[in-house]
Amino acid sequence: HAMPVTEYNPTQVKMAITGYGRAEKQQVK
């Protein structure tokens, strides 16, 4: 589908969402 793919590690995602790279799944949710 000609989409660029970007990969993120879980710590990056948690940091972007919660501000803390070791956040629990419930905090992310």
mmCIF file of all heavy atoms, coordinates in Angstrom:
data_MODEL
# 
_entry.id   MODEL 
# 
loop_
_atom_site.group_PDB 
_atom_site.id 
_atom_site.type_symbol 
_atom_site.label_atom_id 
_atom_site.label_alt_id 
_atom_site.label_comp_id 
_atom_site.label_asym_id 
_atom_site.label_entity_id 
_atom_site.label_seq_id 
_atom_site.pdbx_PDB_ins_code 
_atom_site.Cartn_x 
_atom_site.Cartn_y 
_atom_site.Cartn_z 
_atom_site.occupancy 
_atom_site.B_iso_or_equiv 
_atom_site.pdbx_formal_charge 
_atom_site.auth_seq_id 
_atom_site.auth_comp_id 
_atom_site.auth_asym_id 
_atom_site.auth_atom_id 
_atom_site.pdbx_PDB_model_num 
ATOM 1   N N   . HIS A 1 1  ? 0.822  -1.219 0.000  1.00 0.00 ? 1  HIS A N   1 
ATOM 2   C CA  . HIS A 1 1  ? 0.000  0.000  0.000  1.00 0.00 ? 1  HIS A CA  1 
ATOM 3   C C   . HIS A 1 1  ? 0.857  1.271  0.000  1.00 0.00 ? 1  HIS A C   1 
ATOM 4   O O   . HIS A 1 1  ? 0.350  2.358  0.284  1.00 0.00 ? 1  HIS A O   1 
ATOM 5   C CB  . HIS A 1 1  ? -0.953 -0.004 1.202  1.00 0.00 ? 1  HIS A CB  1 
ATOM 6   C CG  . HIS A 1 1  ? -2.048 -1.020 1.066  1.00 0.00 ? 1  HIS A CG  1 
ATOM 7   N ND1 . HIS A 1 1  ? -1.884 -2.347 1.363  1.00 0.00 ? 1  HIS A ND1 1 
ATOM 8   C CD2 . HIS A 1 1  ? -3.323 -0.893 0.625  1.00 0.00 ? 1  HIS A CD2 1 
ATOM 9   C CE1 . HIS A 1 1  ? -3.002 -3.006 1.126  1.00 0.00 ? 1  HIS A CE1 1 
ATOM 10  N NE2 . HIS A 1 1  ? -3.897 -2.143 0.675  1.00 0.00 ? 1  HIS A NE2 1 
ATOM 11  N N   . ALA A 1 2  ? 2.152  1.114  -0.281 1.00 0.00 ? 2  ALA A N   1 
ATOM 12  C CA  . ALA A 1 2  ? 3.085  2.249  -0.365 1.00 0.00 ? 2  ALA A CA  1 
ATOM 13  C C   . ALA A 1 2  ? 3.081  3.116  0.890  1.00 0.00 ? 2  ALA A C   1 
ATOM 14  O O   . ALA A 1 2  ? 3.115  4.340  0.826  1.00 0.00 ? 2  ALA A O   1 
ATOM 15  C CB  . ALA A 1 2  ? 2.792  3.085  -1.608 1.00 0.00 ? 2  ALA A CB  1 
ATOM 16  N N   . MET A 1 3  ? 3.012  2.459  2.050  1.00 0.00 ? 3  MET A N   1 
ATOM 17  C CA  . MET A 1 3  ? 3.046  3.171  3.329  1.00 0.00 ? 3  MET A CA  1 
ATOM 18  C C   . MET A 1 3  ? 4.436  3.079  3.938  1.00 0.00 ? 3  MET A C   1 
ATOM 19  O O   . MET A 1 3  ? 4.967  1.981  4.053  1.00 0.00 ? 3  MET A O   1 
ATOM 20  C CB  . MET A 1 3  ? 2.084  2.528  4.340  1.00 0.00 ? 3  MET A CB  1 
ATOM 21  C CG  . MET A 1 3  ? 0.660  2.896  4.200  1.00 0.00 ? 3  MET A CG  1 
ATOM 22  S SD  . MET A 1 3  ? -0.289 2.240  5.619  1.00 0.00 ? 3  MET A SD  1 
ATOM 23  C CE  . MET A 1 3  ? -0.446 0.525  5.172  1.00 0.00 ? 3  MET A CE  1 
ATOM 24  N N   . PRO A 1 4  ? 4.997  4.190  4.372  1.00 0.00 ? 4  PRO A N   1 
ATOM 25  C CA  . PRO A 1 4  ? 6.248  4.093  5.118  1.00 0.00 ? 4  PRO A CA  1 
ATOM 26  C C   . PRO A 1 4  ? 6.000  3.398  6.459  1.00 0.00 ? 4  PRO A C   1 
ATOM 27  O O   . PRO A 1 4  ? 4.926  3.545  7.051  1.00 0.00 ? 4  PRO A O   1 
ATOM 28  C CB  . PRO A 1 4  ? 6.680  5.545  5.319  1.00 0.00 ? 4  PRO A CB  1 
ATOM 29  C CG  . PRO A 1 4  ? 5.490  6.379  5.012  1.00 0.00 ? 4  PRO A CG  1 
ATOM 30  C CD  . PRO A 1 4  ? 4.543  5.560  4.188  1.00 0.00 ? 4  PRO A CD  1 
ATOM 31  N N   . VAL A 1 5  ? 6.986  2.637  6.907  1.00 0.00 ? 5  VAL A N   1 
ATOM 32  C CA  . VAL A 1 5  ? 6.896  1.897  8.166  1.00 0.00 ? 5  VAL A CA  1 
ATOM 33  C C   . VAL A 1 5  ? 7.881  2.497  9.155  1.00 0.00 ? 5  VAL A C   1 
ATOM 34  O O   . VAL A 1 5  ? 9.048  2.709  8.839  1.00 0.00 ? 5  VAL A O   1 
ATOM 35  C CB  . VAL A 1 5  ? 7.246  0.407  7.960  1.00 0.00 ? 5  VAL A CB  1 
ATOM 36  C CG1 . VAL A 1 5  ? 7.255  -0.341 9.287  1.00 0.00 ? 5  VAL A CG1 1 
ATOM 37  C CG2 . VAL A 1 5  ? 6.276  -0.237 6.977  1.00 0.00 ? 5  VAL A CG2 1 
ATOM 38  N N   . THR A 1 6  ? 7.406  2.778  10.355 1.00 0.00 ? 6  THR A N   1 
ATOM 39  C CA  . THR A 1 6  ? 8.274  3.247  11.426 1.00 0.00 ? 6  THR A CA  1 
ATOM 40  C C   . THR A 1 6  ? 8.113  2.305  12.604 1.00 0.00 ? 6  THR A C   1 
ATOM 41  O O   . THR A 1 6  ? 6.997  1.971  12.987 1.00 0.00 ? 6  THR A O   1 
ATOM 42  C CB  . THR A 1 6  ? 7.921  4.688  11.853 1.00 0.00 ? 6  THR A CB  1 
ATOM 43  O OG1 . THR A 1 6  ? 7.898  5.515  10.686 1.00 0.00 ? 6  THR A OG1 1 
ATOM 44  C CG2 . THR A 1 6  ? 8.939  5.228  12.824 1.00 0.00 ? 6  THR A CG2 1 
ATOM 45  N N   . GLU A 1 7  ? 9.258  1.887  13.166 1.00 0.00 ? 7  GLU A N   1 
ATOM 46  C CA  . GLU A 1 7  ? 9.256  0.969  14.303 1.00 0.00 ? 7  GLU A CA  1 
ATOM 47  C C   . GLU A 1 7  ? 9.635  1.725  15.566 1.00 0.00 ? 7  GLU A C   1 
ATOM 48  O O   . GLU A 1 7  ? 10.518 2.580  15.547 1.00 0.00 ? 7  GLU A O   1 
ATOM 49  C CB  . GLU A 1 7  ? 10.276 -0.141 14.068 1.00 0.00 ? 7  GLU A CB  1 
ATOM 50  C CG  . GLU A 1 7  ? 10.018 -0.959 12.825 1.00 0.00 ? 7  GLU A CG  1 
ATOM 51  C CD  . GLU A 1 7  ? 11.120 -1.956 12.582 1.00 0.00 ? 7  GLU A CD  1 
ATOM 52  O OE1 . GLU A 1 7  ? 11.074 -3.043 13.192 1.00 0.00 ? 7  GLU A OE1 1 
ATOM 53  O OE2 . GLU A 1 7  ? 12.040 -1.621 11.794 1.00 0.00 ? 7  GLU A OE2 1 
ATOM 54  N N   . TYR A 1 8  ? 8.948  1.388  16.644 1.00 0.00 ? 8  TYR A N   1 
ATOM 55  C CA  . TYR A 1 8  ? 9.231  1.992  17.951 1.00 0.00 ? 8  TYR A CA  1 
ATOM 56  C C   . TYR A 1 8  ? 9.373  0.888  18.975 1.00 0.00 ? 8  TYR A C   1 
ATOM 57  O O   . TYR A 1 8  ? 8.630  -0.096 18.949 1.00 0.00 ? 8  TYR A O   1 
ATOM 58  C CB  . TYR A 1 8  ? 8.094  2.931  18.379 1.00 0.00 ? 8  TYR A CB  1 
ATOM 59  C CG  . TYR A 1 8  ? 7.906  4.096  17.443 1.00 0.00 ? 8  TYR A CG  1 
ATOM 60  C CD1 . TYR A 1 8  ? 6.929  4.079  16.464 1.00 0.00 ? 8  TYR A CD1 1 
ATOM 61  C CD2 . TYR A 1 8  ? 8.726  5.216  17.534 1.00 0.00 ? 8  TYR A CD2 1 
ATOM 62  C CE1 . TYR A 1 8  ? 6.767  5.139  15.589 1.00 0.00 ? 8  TYR A CE1 1 
ATOM 63  C CE2 . TYR A 1 8  ? 8.568  6.286  16.667 1.00 0.00 ? 8  TYR A CE2 1 
ATOM 64  C CZ  . TYR A 1 8  ? 7.584  6.240  15.702 1.00 0.00 ? 8  TYR A CZ  1 
ATOM 65  O OH  . TYR A 1 8  ? 7.430  7.299  14.847 1.00 0.00 ? 8  TYR A OH  1 
ATOM 66  N N   . ASN A 1 9  ? 10.301 1.070  19.907 1.00 0.00 ? 9  ASN A N   1 
ATOM 67  C CA  . ASN A 1 9  ? 10.383 0.093  20.986 1.00 0.00 ? 9  ASN A CA  1 
ATOM 68  C C   . ASN A 1 9  ? 9.392  0.478  22.069 1.00 0.00 ? 9  ASN A C   1 
ATOM 69  O O   . ASN A 1 9  ? 8.943  1.633  22.133 1.00 0.00 ? 9  ASN A O   1 
ATOM 70  C CB  . ASN A 1 9  ? 11.826 -0.093 21.495 1.00 0.00 ? 9  ASN A CB  1 
ATOM 71  C CG  . ASN A 1 9  ? 12.372 1.129  22.185 1.00 0.00 ? 9  ASN A CG  1 
ATOM 72  O OD1 . ASN A 1 9  ? 11.713 1.731  23.018 1.00 0.00 ? 9  ASN A OD1 1 
ATOM 73  N ND2 . ASN A 1 9  ? 13.594 1.501  21.846 1.00 0.00 ? 9  ASN A ND2 1 
ATOM 74  N N   . PRO A 1 10 ? 9.006  -0.469 22.910 1.00 0.00 ? 10 PRO A N   1 
ATOM 75  C CA  . PRO A 1 10 ? 7.986  -0.196 23.925 1.00 0.00 ? 10 PRO A CA  1 
ATOM 76  C C   . PRO A 1 10 ? 8.324  0.983  24.843 1.00 0.00 ? 10 PRO A C   1 
ATOM 77  O O   . PRO A 1 10 ? 7.429  1.740  25.232 1.00 0.00 ? 10 PRO A O   1 
ATOM 78  C CB  . PRO A 1 10 ? 7.917  -1.502 24.711 1.00 0.00 ? 10 PRO A CB  1 
ATOM 79  C CG  . PRO A 1 10 ? 8.355  -2.544 23.735 1.00 0.00 ? 10 PRO A CG  1 
ATOM 80  C CD  . PRO A 1 10 ? 9.401  -1.878 22.894 1.00 0.00 ? 10 PRO A CD  1 
ATOM 81  N N   . THR A 1 11 ? 9.591  1.166  25.159 1.00 0.00 ? 11 THR A N   1 
ATOM 82  C CA  . THR A 1 11 ? 9.983  2.277  26.035 1.00 0.00 ? 11 THR A CA  1 
ATOM 83  C C   . THR A 1 11 ? 9.697  3.620  25.377 1.00 0.00 ? 11 THR A C   1 
ATOM 84  O O   . THR A 1 11 ? 9.208  4.545  26.030 1.00 0.00 ? 11 THR A O   1 
ATOM 85  C CB  . THR A 1 11 ? 11.473 2.164  26.402 1.00 0.00 ? 11 THR A CB  1 
ATOM 86  O OG1 . THR A 1 11 ? 11.701 0.879  26.978 1.00 0.00 ? 11 THR A OG1 1 
ATOM 87  C CG2 . THR A 1 11 ? 11.890 3.229  27.392 1.00 0.00 ? 11 THR A CG2 1 
ATOM 88  N N   . GLN A 1 12 ? 9.989  3.725  24.070 1.00 0.00 ? 12 GLN A N   1 
ATOM 89  C CA  . GLN A 1 12 ? 9.694  4.964  23.334 1.00 0.00 ? 12 GLN A CA  1 
ATOM 90  C C   . GLN A 1 12 ? 8.200  5.267  23.364 1.00 0.00 ? 12 GLN A C   1 
ATOM 91  O O   . GLN A 1 12 ? 7.799  6.410  23.548 1.00 0.00 ? 12 GLN A O   1 
ATOM 92  C CB  . GLN A 1 12 ? 10.128 4.835  21.874 1.00 0.00 ? 12 GLN A CB  1 
ATOM 93  C CG  . GLN A 1 12 ? 11.601 4.910  21.615 1.00 0.00 ? 12 GLN A CG  1 
ATOM 94  C CD  . GLN A 1 12 ? 11.890 4.680  20.146 1.00 0.00 ? 12 GLN A CD  1 
ATOM 95  O OE1 . GLN A 1 12 ? 11.617 3.609  19.620 1.00 0.00 ? 12 GLN A OE1 1 
ATOM 96  N NE2 . GLN A 1 12 ? 12.432 5.682  19.485 1.00 0.00 ? 12 GLN A NE2 1 
ATOM 97  N N   . VAL A 1 13 ? 7.395  4.239  23.140 1.00 0.00 ? 13 VAL A N   1 
ATOM 98  C CA  . VAL A 1 13 ? 5.944  4.422  23.101 1.00 0.00 ? 13 VAL A CA  1 
ATOM 99  C C   . VAL A 1 13 ? 5.437  4.874  24.467 1.00 0.00 ? 13 VAL A C   1 
ATOM 100 O O   . VAL A 1 13 ? 4.683  5.845  24.580 1.00 0.00 ? 13 VAL A O   1 
ATOM 101 C CB  . VAL A 1 13 ? 5.231  3.128  22.647 1.00 0.00 ? 13 VAL A CB  1 
ATOM 102 C CG1 . VAL A 1 13 ? 3.716  3.288  22.719 1.00 0.00 ? 13 VAL A CG1 1 
ATOM 103 C CG2 . VAL A 1 13 ? 5.662  2.745  21.239 1.00 0.00 ? 13 VAL A CG2 1 
ATOM 104 N N   . LYS A 1 14 ? 5.873  4.182  25.514 1.00 0.00 ? 14 LYS A N   1 
ATOM 105 C CA  . LYS A 1 14 ? 5.435  4.541  26.868 1.00 0.00 ? 14 LYS A CA  1 
ATOM 106 C C   . LYS A 1 14 ? 5.855  5.958  27.223 1.00 0.00 ? 14 LYS A C   1 
ATOM 107 O O   . LYS A 1 14 ? 5.090  6.706  27.833 1.00 0.00 ? 14 LYS A O   1 
ATOM 108 C CB  . LYS A 1 14 ? 6.007  3.542  27.880 1.00 0.00 ? 14 LYS A CB  1 
ATOM 109 C CG  . LYS A 1 14 ? 5.379  2.165  27.763 1.00 0.00 ? 14 LYS A CG  1 
ATOM 110 C CD  . LYS A 1 14 ? 6.063  1.176  28.689 1.00 0.00 ? 14 LYS A CD  1 
ATOM 111 C CE  . LYS A 1 14 ? 5.451  -0.208 28.533 1.00 0.00 ? 14 LYS A CE  1 
ATOM 112 N NZ  . LYS A 1 14 ? 6.105  -1.184 29.399 1.00 0.00 ? 14 LYS A NZ  1 
ATOM 113 N N   . MET A 1 15 ? 7.064  6.344  26.829 1.00 0.00 ? 15 MET A N   1 
ATOM 114 C CA  . MET A 1 15 ? 7.551  7.699  27.102 1.00 0.00 ? 15 MET A CA  1 
ATOM 115 C C   . MET A 1 15 ? 6.705  8.729  26.358 1.00 0.00 ? 15 MET A C   1 
ATOM 116 O O   . MET A 1 15 ? 6.336  9.763  26.929 1.00 0.00 ? 15 MET A O   1 
ATOM 117 C CB  . MET A 1 15 ? 9.020  7.806  26.685 1.00 0.00 ? 15 MET A CB  1 
ATOM 118 C CG  . MET A 1 15 ? 9.619  9.151  26.994 1.00 0.00 ? 15 MET A CG  1 
ATOM 119 S SD  . MET A 1 15 ? 9.670  9.486  28.765 1.00 0.00 ? 15 MET A SD  1 
ATOM 120 C CE  . MET A 1 15 ? 11.270 8.875  29.147 1.00 0.00 ? 15 MET A CE  1 
ATOM 121 N N   . ALA A 1 16 ? 6.368  8.442  25.109 1.00 0.00 ? 16 ALA A N   1 
ATOM 122 C CA  . ALA A 1 16 ? 5.575  9.379  24.312 1.00 0.00 ? 16 ALA A CA  1 
ATOM 123 C C   . ALA A 1 16 ? 4.158  9.540  24.857 1.00 0.00 ? 16 ALA A C   1 
ATOM 124 O O   . ALA A 1 16 ? 3.562  10.605 24.751 1.00 0.00 ? 16 ALA A O   1 
ATOM 125 C CB  . ALA A 1 16 ? 5.520  8.914  22.855 1.00 0.00 ? 16 ALA A CB  1 
ATOM 126 N N   . ILE A 1 17 ? 3.625  8.476  25.447 1.00 0.00 ? 17 ILE A N   1 
ATOM 127 C CA  . ILE A 1 17 ? 2.236  8.498  25.905 1.00 0.00 ? 17 ILE A CA  1 
ATOM 128 C C   . ILE A 1 17 ? 2.112  8.971  27.351 1.00 0.00 ? 17 ILE A C   1 
ATOM 129 O O   . ILE A 1 17 ? 1.239  9.766  27.682 1.00 0.00 ? 17 ILE A O   1 
ATOM 130 C CB  . ILE A 1 17 ? 1.586  7.095  25.756 1.00 0.00 ? 17 ILE A CB  1 
ATOM 131 C CG1 . ILE A 1 17 ? 1.629  6.640  24.301 1.00 0.00 ? 17 ILE A CG1 1 
ATOM 132 C CG2 . ILE A 1 17 ? 0.160  7.073  26.291 1.00 0.00 ? 17 ILE A CG2 1 
ATOM 133 C CD1 . ILE A 1 17 ? 0.938  7.545  23.328 1.00 0.00 ? 17 ILE A CD1 1 
ATOM 134 N N   . THR A 1 18 ? 2.970  8.455  28.227 1.00 0.00 ? 18 THR A N   1 
ATOM 135 C CA  . THR A 1 18 ? 2.832  8.741  29.658 1.00 0.00 ? 18 THR A CA  1 
ATOM 136 C C   . THR A 1 18 ? 3.925  9.650  30.215 1.00 0.00 ? 18 THR A C   1 
ATOM 137 O O   . THR A 1 18 ? 3.796  10.139 31.328 1.00 0.00 ? 18 THR A O   1 
ATOM 138 C CB  . THR A 1 18 ? 2.849  7.440  30.489 1.00 0.00 ? 18 THR A CB  1 
ATOM 139 O OG1 . THR A 1 18 ? 4.165  6.865  30.423 1.00 0.00 ? 18 THR A OG1 1 
ATOM 140 C CG2 . THR A 1 18 ? 1.802  6.453  29.998 1.00 0.00 ? 18 THR A CG2 1 
ATOM 141 N N   . GLY A 1 19 ? 5.009  9.801  29.462 1.00 0.00 ? 19 GLY A N   1 
ATOM 142 C CA  . GLY A 1 19 ? 6.140  10.570 29.978 1.00 0.00 ? 19 GLY A CA  1 
ATOM 143 C C   . GLY A 1 19 ? 7.081  9.726  30.822 1.00 0.00 ? 19 GLY A C   1 
ATOM 144 O O   . GLY A 1 19 ? 8.049  10.218 31.371 1.00 0.00 ? 19 GLY A O   1 
ATOM 145 N N   . TYR A 1 20 ? 6.781  8.413  30.923 1.00 0.00 ? 20 TYR A N   1 
ATOM 146 C CA  . TYR A 1 20 ? 7.591  7.502  31.729 1.00 0.00 ? 20 TYR A CA  1 
ATOM 147 C C   . TYR A 1 20 ? 7.787  6.208  30.947 1.00 0.00 ? 20 TYR A C   1 
ATOM 148 O O   . TYR A 1 20 ? 6.813  5.518  30.627 1.00 0.00 ? 20 TYR A O   1 
ATOM 149 C CB  . TYR A 1 20 ? 6.891  7.233  33.072 1.00 0.00 ? 20 TYR A CB  1 
ATOM 150 C CG  . TYR A 1 20 ? 7.606  6.277  33.979 1.00 0.00 ? 20 TYR A CG  1 
ATOM 151 C CD1 . TYR A 1 20 ? 8.904  6.529  34.418 1.00 0.00 ? 20 TYR A CD1 1 
ATOM 152 C CD2 . TYR A 1 20 ? 6.982  5.118  34.420 1.00 0.00 ? 20 TYR A CD2 1 
ATOM 153 C CE1 . TYR A 1 20 ? 9.564  5.643  35.261 1.00 0.00 ? 20 TYR A CE1 1 
ATOM 154 C CE2 . TYR A 1 20 ? 7.631  4.227  35.271 1.00 0.00 ? 20 TYR A CE2 1 
ATOM 155 C CZ  . TYR A 1 20 ? 8.927  4.498  35.680 1.00 0.00 ? 20 TYR A CZ  1 
ATOM 156 O OH  . TYR A 1 20 ? 9.591  3.622  36.516 1.00 0.00 ? 20 TYR A OH  1 
ATOM 157 N N   . GLY A 1 21 ? 9.032  5.876  30.634 1.00 0.00 ? 21 GLY A N   1 
ATOM 158 C CA  . GLY A 1 21 ? 9.348  4.737  29.789 1.00 0.00 ? 21 GLY A CA  1 
ATOM 159 C C   . GLY A 1 21 ? 9.065  3.374  30.371 1.00 0.00 ? 21 GLY A C   1 
ATOM 160 O O   . GLY A 1 21 ? 9.083  2.374  29.659 1.00 0.00 ? 21 GLY A O   1 
ATOM 161 N N   . ARG A 1 22 ? 8.780  3.315  31.667 1.00 0.00 ? 22 ARG A N   1 
ATOM 162 C CA  . ARG A 1 22 ? 8.474  2.025  32.298 1.00 0.00 ? 22 ARG A CA  1 
ATOM 163 C C   . ARG A 1 22 ? 7.032  1.958  32.804 1.00 0.00 ? 22 ARG A C   1 
ATOM 164 O O   . ARG A 1 22 ? 6.721  1.197  33.722 1.00 0.00 ? 22 ARG A O   1 
ATOM 165 C CB  . ARG A 1 22 ? 9.453  1.754  33.437 1.00 0.00 ? 22 ARG A CB  1 
ATOM 166 C CG  . ARG A 1 22 ? 10.892 1.638  32.975 1.00 0.00 ? 22 ARG A CG  1 
ATOM 167 C CD  . ARG A 1 22 ? 11.758 1.083  34.090 1.00 0.00 ? 22 ARG A CD  1 
ATOM 168 N NE  . ARG A 1 22 ? 13.150 1.040  33.725 1.00 0.00 ? 22 ARG A NE  1 
ATOM 169 C CZ  . ARG A 1 22 ? 13.720 0.044  33.064 1.00 0.00 ? 22 ARG A CZ  1 
ATOM 170 N NH1 . ARG A 1 22 ? 12.990 -0.973 32.676 1.00 0.00 ? 22 ARG A NH1 1 
ATOM 171 N NH2 . ARG A 1 22 ? 14.999 0.068  32.782 1.00 0.00 ? 22 ARG A NH2 1 
ATOM 172 N N   . ALA A 1 23 ? 6.178  2.743  32.196 1.00 0.00 ? 23 ALA A N   1 
ATOM 173 C CA  . ALA A 1 23 ? 4.768  2.776  32.603 1.00 0.00 ? 23 ALA A CA  1 
ATOM 174 C C   . ALA A 1 23 ? 4.131  1.400  32.409 1.00 0.00 ? 23 ALA A C   1 
ATOM 175 O O   . ALA A 1 23 ? 4.523  0.628  31.539 1.00 0.00 ? 23 ALA A O   1 
ATOM 176 C CB  . ALA A 1 23 ? 4.011  3.818  31.785 1.00 0.00 ? 23 ALA A CB  1 
ATOM 177 N N   . GLU A 1 24 ? 3.148  1.117  33.233 1.00 0.00 ? 24 GLU A N   1 
ATOM 178 C CA  . GLU A 1 24 ? 2.387  -0.139 33.120 1.00 0.00 ? 24 GLU A CA  1 
ATOM 179 C C   . GLU A 1 24 ? 1.393  -0.028 31.967 1.00 0.00 ? 24 GLU A C   1 
ATOM 180 O O   . GLU A 1 24 ? 0.982  1.067  31.582 1.00 0.00 ? 24 GLU A O   1 
ATOM 181 C CB  . GLU A 1 24 ? 1.622  -0.409 34.426 1.00 0.00 ? 24 GLU A CB  1 
ATOM 182 C CG  . GLU A 1 24 ? 2.507  -0.584 35.643 1.00 0.00 ? 24 GLU A CG  1 
ATOM 183 C CD  . GLU A 1 24 ? 3.371  -1.834 35.578 1.00 0.00 ? 24 GLU A CD  1 
ATOM 184 O OE1 . GLU A 1 24 ? 2.888  -2.865 35.043 1.00 0.00 ? 24 GLU A OE1 1 
ATOM 185 O OE2 . GLU A 1 24 ? 4.524  -1.774 36.020 1.00 0.00 ? 24 GLU A OE2 1 
ATOM 186 N N   . LYS A 1 25 ? 0.973  -1.181 31.450 1.00 0.00 ? 25 LYS A N   1 
ATOM 187 C CA  . LYS A 1 25 ? 0.024  -1.205 30.328 1.00 0.00 ? 25 LYS A CA  1 
ATOM 188 C C   . LYS A 1 25 ? -1.263 -0.445 30.651 1.00 0.00 ? 25 LYS A C   1 
ATOM 189 O O   . LYS A 1 25 ? -1.817 0.245  29.803 1.00 0.00 ? 25 LYS A O   1 
ATOM 190 C CB  . LYS A 1 25 ? -0.297 -2.637 29.919 1.00 0.00 ? 25 LYS A CB  1 
ATOM 191 C CG  . LYS A 1 25 ? 0.806  -3.279 29.102 1.00 0.00 ? 25 LYS A CG  1 
ATOM 192 C CD  . LYS A 1 25 ? 0.317  -4.588 28.515 1.00 0.00 ? 25 LYS A CD  1 
ATOM 193 C CE  . LYS A 1 25 ? 1.314  -5.168 27.541 1.00 0.00 ? 25 LYS A CE  1 
ATOM 194 N NZ  . LYS A 1 25 ? 1.283  -4.544 26.224 1.00 0.00 ? 25 LYS A NZ  1 
ATOM 195 N N   . GLN A 1 26 ? -1.746 -0.565 31.876 1.00 0.00 ? 26 GLN A N   1 
ATOM 196 C CA  . GLN A 1 26 ? -2.979 0.116  32.263 1.00 0.00 ? 26 GLN A CA  1 
ATOM 197 C C   . GLN A 1 26 ? -2.802 1.638  32.225 1.00 0.00 ? 26 GLN A C   1 
ATOM 198 O O   . GLN A 1 26 ? -3.712 2.358  31.822 1.00 0.00 ? 26 GLN A O   1 
ATOM 199 C CB  . GLN A 1 26 ? -3.435 -0.348 33.656 1.00 0.00 ? 26 GLN A CB  1 
ATOM 200 C CG  . GLN A 1 26 ? -4.793 0.201  34.065 1.00 0.00 ? 26 GLN A CG  1 
ATOM 201 C CD  . GLN A 1 26 ? -5.925 -0.195 33.106 1.00 0.00 ? 26 GLN A CD  1 
ATOM 202 O OE1 . GLN A 1 26 ? -5.951 -1.294 32.564 1.00 0.00 ? 26 GLN A OE1 1 
ATOM 203 N NE2 . GLN A 1 26 ? -6.869 0.711  32.896 1.00 0.00 ? 26 GLN A NE2 1 
ATOM 204 N N   . GLN A 1 27 ? -1.625 2.118  32.613 1.00 0.00 ? 27 GLN A N   1 
ATOM 205 C CA  . GLN A 1 27 ? -1.359 3.557  32.550 1.00 0.00 ? 27 GLN A CA  1 
ATOM 206 C C   . GLN A 1 27 ? -1.361 4.036  31.099 1.00 0.00 ? 27 GLN A C   1 
ATOM 207 O O   . GLN A 1 27 ? -1.896 5.106  30.799 1.00 0.00 ? 27 GLN A O   1 
ATOM 208 C CB  . GLN A 1 27 ? -0.003 3.873  33.196 1.00 0.00 ? 27 GLN A CB  1 
ATOM 209 C CG  . GLN A 1 27 ? 0.026  3.677  34.697 1.00 0.00 ? 27 GLN A CG  1 
ATOM 210 C CD  . GLN A 1 27 ? 1.447  3.806  35.232 1.00 0.00 ? 27 GLN A CD  1 
ATOM 211 O OE1 . GLN A 1 27 ? 2.331  3.039  34.863 1.00 0.00 ? 27 GLN A OE1 1 
ATOM 212 N NE2 . GLN A 1 27 ? 1.647  4.788  36.089 1.00 0.00 ? 27 GLN A NE2 1 
ATOM 213 N N   . VAL A 1 28 ? -0.762 3.246  30.217 1.00 0.00 ? 28 VAL A N   1 
ATOM 214 C CA  . VAL A 1 28 ? -0.744 3.592  28.797 1.00 0.00 ? 28 VAL A CA  1 
ATOM 215 C C   . VAL A 1 28 ? -2.177 3.640  28.266 1.00 0.00 ? 28 VAL A C   1 
ATOM 216 O O   . VAL A 1 28 ? -2.571 4.595  27.595 1.00 0.00 ? 28 VAL A O   1 
ATOM 217 C CB  . VAL A 1 28 ? 0.111  2.580  27.985 1.00 0.00 ? 28 VAL A CB  1 
ATOM 218 C CG1 . VAL A 1 28 ? -0.035 2.822  26.487 1.00 0.00 ? 28 VAL A CG1 1 
ATOM 219 C CG2 . VAL A 1 28 ? 1.570  2.663  28.412 1.00 0.00 ? 28 VAL A CG2 1 
ATOM 220 N N   . LYS A 1 29 ? -2.957 2.641  28.607 1.00 0.00 ? 29 LYS A N   1 
ATOM 221 C CA  . LYS A 1 29 ? -4.351 2.579  28.157 1.00 0.00 ? 29 LYS A CA  1 
ATOM 222 C C   . LYS A 1 29 ? -5.142 3.793  28.639 1.00 0.00 ? 29 LYS A C   1 
ATOM 223 O O   . LYS A 1 29 ? -5.883 4.416  27.869 1.00 0.00 ? 29 LYS A O   1 
ATOM 224 C CB  . LYS A 1 29 ? -4.986 1.280  28.655 1.00 0.00 ? 29 LYS A CB  1 
ATOM 225 C CG  . LYS A 1 29 ? -6.398 1.053  28.176 1.00 0.00 ? 29 LYS A CG  1 
ATOM 226 C CD  . LYS A 1 29 ? -6.894 -0.300 28.650 1.00 0.00 ? 29 LYS A CD  1 
ATOM 227 C CE  . LYS A 1 29 ? -8.319 -0.554 28.263 1.00 0.00 ? 29 LYS A CE  1 
ATOM 228 N NZ  . LYS A 1 29 ? -8.784 -1.873 28.693 1.00 0.00 ? 29 LYS A NZ  1 
# 
